[in-house]
């Protein structure tokens, strides 16, 4: 009762083909394949962008403790 034989699956497939028709099933298959292909390309593009964004010469340039920075600052407060 836990598994179906090949004949059960063939009957189910026949019913699906009769209900939807082969043309509609083909269109659904093409749409699903296109969606999967687009998803894979999007993931590949995202990985490529991440790889180019994190080049070794562009490491984190945030100031760390113990460094002194000299220069002028702008006063953004307005005096009324």
N, C-alpha and C. Protein backbone atom coordinates (compact mmCIF):
# COMPACT_ATOMS: atom_id res chain seq x y z
N UNK A 1 0.81 -1.18 0.00
CA UNK A 1 0.00 0.00 0.00
C UNK A 1 0.87 1.26 0.00
N UNK A 2 2.13 1.17 0.43
CA UNK A 2 3.00 2.33 0.50
C UNK A 2 3.53 2.76 -0.85
N UNK A 3 3.69 1.83 -1.79
CA UNK A 3 4.22 2.20 -3.10
C UNK A 3 3.26 1.73 -4.19
N UNK A 4 3.27 2.47 -5.29
CA UNK A 4 2.41 2.13 -6.41
C UNK A 4 3.22 1.41 -7.47
N UNK A 5 2.57 0.54 -8.21
CA UNK A 5 3.25 -0.17 -9.29
C UNK A 5 3.31 0.73 -10.52
N UNK A 6 4.01 0.28 -11.52
CA UNK A 6 4.15 1.05 -12.75
C UNK A 6 2.80 1.26 -13.42
N UNK A 7 1.90 0.31 -13.26
CA UNK A 7 0.57 0.41 -13.89
C UNK A 7 -0.24 1.54 -13.27
N UNK A 8 -0.10 1.73 -11.97
CA UNK A 8 -0.81 2.84 -11.33
C UNK A 8 -0.33 4.18 -11.90
N UNK A 9 0.98 4.32 -12.05
CA UNK A 9 1.55 5.57 -12.56
C UNK A 9 1.17 5.80 -14.02
N UNK A 10 1.10 4.73 -14.82
CA UNK A 10 0.68 4.87 -16.21
C UNK A 10 -0.78 5.33 -16.32
N UNK A 11 -1.64 4.81 -15.46
CA UNK A 11 -3.04 5.22 -15.46
C UNK A 11 -3.15 6.70 -15.06
N UNK A 12 -2.38 7.12 -14.04
CA UNK A 12 -2.39 8.51 -13.61
C UNK A 12 -1.90 9.41 -14.75
N UNK A 13 -0.83 9.01 -15.43
CA UNK A 13 -0.30 9.78 -16.55
C UNK A 13 -1.33 9.88 -17.68
N UNK A 14 -2.01 8.80 -17.99
CA UNK A 14 -3.03 8.80 -19.03
C UNK A 14 -4.17 9.76 -18.68
N UNK A 15 -4.60 9.75 -17.44
CA UNK A 15 -5.67 10.66 -17.01
C UNK A 15 -5.22 12.12 -17.13
N UNK A 16 -3.98 12.40 -16.73
CA UNK A 16 -3.46 13.77 -16.84
C UNK A 16 -3.41 14.22 -18.29
N UNK A 17 -2.97 13.34 -19.19
CA UNK A 17 -2.90 13.68 -20.61
C UNK A 17 -4.30 13.90 -21.16
N UNK A 18 -5.26 13.10 -20.75
CA UNK A 18 -6.63 13.27 -21.22
C UNK A 18 -7.25 14.57 -20.71
N UNK A 19 -6.93 14.95 -19.49
CA UNK A 19 -7.52 16.16 -18.91
C UNK A 19 -6.89 17.41 -19.51
N UNK A 20 -5.57 17.46 -19.56
CA UNK A 20 -4.88 18.68 -19.98
C UNK A 20 -4.53 18.71 -21.47
N UNK A 21 -4.32 17.60 -22.07
CA UNK A 21 -3.90 17.55 -23.47
C UNK A 21 -2.39 17.68 -23.59
N UNK A 22 -1.85 17.15 -24.68
CA UNK A 22 -0.40 17.13 -24.83
C UNK A 22 0.17 18.51 -25.10
N UNK A 23 -0.57 19.36 -25.82
CA UNK A 23 -0.05 20.69 -26.15
C UNK A 23 0.10 21.53 -24.88
N UNK A 24 -0.89 21.49 -24.02
CA UNK A 24 -0.82 22.26 -22.78
C UNK A 24 0.29 21.72 -21.88
N UNK A 25 0.45 20.42 -21.81
CA UNK A 25 1.53 19.84 -21.00
C UNK A 25 2.90 20.23 -21.55
N UNK A 26 3.02 20.29 -22.88
CA UNK A 26 4.28 20.70 -23.49
C UNK A 26 4.59 22.15 -23.15
N UNK A 27 3.57 23.01 -23.22
CA UNK A 27 3.76 24.42 -22.87
C UNK A 27 4.15 24.58 -21.41
N UNK A 28 3.52 23.82 -20.53
CA UNK A 28 3.87 23.88 -19.11
C UNK A 28 5.32 23.45 -18.91
N UNK A 29 5.73 22.41 -19.60
CA UNK A 29 7.12 21.94 -19.50
C UNK A 29 8.11 22.97 -20.00
N UNK A 30 7.79 23.63 -21.11
CA UNK A 30 8.68 24.67 -21.64
C UNK A 30 8.76 25.86 -20.69
N UNK A 31 7.63 26.26 -20.13
CA UNK A 31 7.62 27.38 -19.19
C UNK A 31 8.42 27.05 -17.93
N UNK A 32 8.26 25.85 -17.43
CA UNK A 32 9.00 25.42 -16.24
C UNK A 32 10.50 25.36 -16.53
N UNK A 33 10.86 24.82 -17.68
CA UNK A 33 12.28 24.76 -18.06
C UNK A 33 12.88 26.14 -18.23
N UNK A 34 12.14 27.07 -18.81
CA UNK A 34 12.63 28.44 -18.96
C UNK A 34 12.81 29.13 -17.62
N UNK A 35 11.90 28.86 -16.69
CA UNK A 35 12.01 29.45 -15.36
C UNK A 35 13.23 28.93 -14.63
N UNK A 36 13.48 27.64 -14.73
CA UNK A 36 14.65 27.05 -14.07
C UNK A 36 15.94 27.60 -14.69
N UNK A 37 15.96 27.72 -16.02
CA UNK A 37 17.13 28.26 -16.70
C UNK A 37 17.39 29.71 -16.29
N UNK A 38 16.34 30.51 -16.22
CA UNK A 38 16.47 31.90 -15.79
C UNK A 38 16.97 32.00 -14.36
N UNK A 39 16.49 31.12 -13.49
CA UNK A 39 16.93 31.12 -12.10
C UNK A 39 18.41 30.78 -12.00
N UNK A 40 18.84 29.78 -12.75
CA UNK A 40 20.26 29.40 -12.73
C UNK A 40 21.15 30.52 -13.24
N UNK A 41 20.72 31.20 -14.31
CA UNK A 41 21.50 32.32 -14.85
C UNK A 41 21.57 33.46 -13.85
N UNK A 42 20.47 33.72 -13.16
CA UNK A 42 20.45 34.76 -12.15
C UNK A 42 21.40 34.44 -11.00
N UNK A 43 21.42 33.20 -10.58
CA UNK A 43 22.33 32.80 -9.50
C UNK A 43 23.78 32.91 -9.96
N UNK A 44 24.06 32.52 -11.19
CA UNK A 44 25.41 32.60 -11.73
C UNK A 44 25.86 34.06 -11.82
N UNK A 45 24.96 34.95 -12.26
CA UNK A 45 25.29 36.37 -12.34
C UNK A 45 25.55 36.96 -10.96
N UNK A 46 24.76 36.56 -9.98
CA UNK A 46 24.95 37.06 -8.62
C UNK A 46 26.29 36.61 -8.06
N UNK A 47 26.68 35.37 -8.33
CA UNK A 47 27.98 34.87 -7.86
C UNK A 47 29.12 35.63 -8.54
N UNK A 48 28.97 35.91 -9.83
CA UNK A 48 30.01 36.66 -10.54
C UNK A 48 30.13 38.08 -10.01
N UNK A 49 29.00 38.72 -9.68
CA UNK A 49 29.04 40.07 -9.12
C UNK A 49 29.69 40.06 -7.74
N UNK A 50 29.41 39.05 -6.93
CA UNK A 50 30.02 38.95 -5.62
C UNK A 50 31.53 38.75 -5.74
N UNK A 51 31.94 37.95 -6.71
CA UNK A 51 33.37 37.68 -6.88
C UNK A 51 34.11 38.93 -7.35
N UNK A 52 33.52 39.70 -8.24
CA UNK A 52 34.19 40.90 -8.73
C UNK A 52 34.12 42.03 -7.71
N UNK A 53 33.12 42.04 -6.86
CA UNK A 53 32.99 43.09 -5.85
C UNK A 53 34.01 42.93 -4.73
N UNK A 54 34.47 41.72 -4.48
CA UNK A 54 35.38 41.47 -3.37
C UNK A 54 36.77 41.10 -3.88
N UNK A 55 37.36 41.98 -4.64
CA UNK A 55 38.72 41.75 -5.10
C UNK A 55 39.69 41.96 -3.95
N UNK A 56 40.84 41.30 -3.98
CA UNK A 56 41.80 41.42 -2.87
C UNK A 56 42.30 42.84 -2.66
N UNK A 57 42.40 43.65 -3.73
CA UNK A 57 42.90 45.01 -3.57
C UNK A 57 41.84 45.94 -3.01
N UNK A 58 40.61 45.48 -2.90
CA UNK A 58 39.53 46.30 -2.37
C UNK A 58 39.05 45.75 -1.03
N UNK A 59 39.98 45.38 -0.18
CA UNK A 59 39.62 44.86 1.12
C UNK A 59 39.02 45.96 1.97
N UNK A 60 38.50 45.59 3.10
CA UNK A 60 37.85 46.53 4.00
C UNK A 60 38.82 47.62 4.42
N UNK A 61 38.50 48.86 4.15
CA UNK A 61 39.38 49.99 4.41
C UNK A 61 38.91 50.80 5.61
N UNK A 62 38.20 50.19 6.53
CA UNK A 62 37.70 50.92 7.69
C UNK A 62 38.84 51.20 8.65
N UNK A 63 38.79 52.35 9.34
CA UNK A 63 39.85 52.66 10.29
C UNK A 63 39.83 51.70 11.47
N UNK A 64 40.99 51.38 11.95
CA UNK A 64 41.10 50.49 13.09
C UNK A 64 41.70 51.25 14.26
N UNK A 65 41.63 50.68 15.44
CA UNK A 65 42.15 51.31 16.64
C UNK A 65 43.65 51.51 16.49
N UNK A 66 44.16 52.64 16.97
CA UNK A 66 45.58 52.90 16.93
C UNK A 66 46.03 53.73 15.75
N UNK A 67 45.14 54.05 14.84
CA UNK A 67 45.49 54.87 13.70
C UNK A 67 45.04 56.31 13.94
N UNK A 68 45.86 57.25 13.53
CA UNK A 68 45.52 58.66 13.66
C UNK A 68 45.33 59.23 12.27
N UNK A 69 44.21 59.93 12.09
CA UNK A 69 43.91 60.54 10.81
C UNK A 69 43.87 62.05 11.01
N UNK A 70 44.58 62.77 10.17
CA UNK A 70 44.61 64.22 10.26
C UNK A 70 43.87 64.82 9.07
N UNK A 71 43.25 65.96 9.33
CA UNK A 71 42.55 66.64 8.26
C UNK A 71 41.50 67.57 8.81
N UNK A 72 40.88 68.31 7.94
CA UNK A 72 39.84 69.25 8.34
C UNK A 72 38.48 68.56 8.31
N UNK A 73 37.61 69.03 9.18
CA UNK A 73 36.25 68.53 9.19
C UNK A 73 35.32 69.69 8.90
N UNK A 74 34.18 69.37 8.37
CA UNK A 74 33.18 70.39 8.09
C UNK A 74 32.21 70.43 9.23
N UNK A 75 31.82 71.64 9.60
CA UNK A 75 30.82 71.80 10.64
C UNK A 75 29.46 71.90 9.96
N UNK A 76 28.63 70.91 10.15
CA UNK A 76 27.34 70.86 9.49
C UNK A 76 26.22 71.46 10.34
N UNK A 77 26.55 71.94 11.53
CA UNK A 77 25.50 72.55 12.36
C UNK A 77 25.24 73.98 11.90
N UNK A 78 24.00 74.37 11.96
CA UNK A 78 23.63 75.71 11.52
C UNK A 78 23.48 76.61 12.75
N UNK A 79 24.04 77.77 12.65
CA UNK A 79 23.86 78.72 13.73
C UNK A 79 22.78 79.71 13.35
N UNK A 80 21.80 79.92 14.24
CA UNK A 80 20.67 80.80 13.93
C UNK A 80 20.90 82.18 14.42
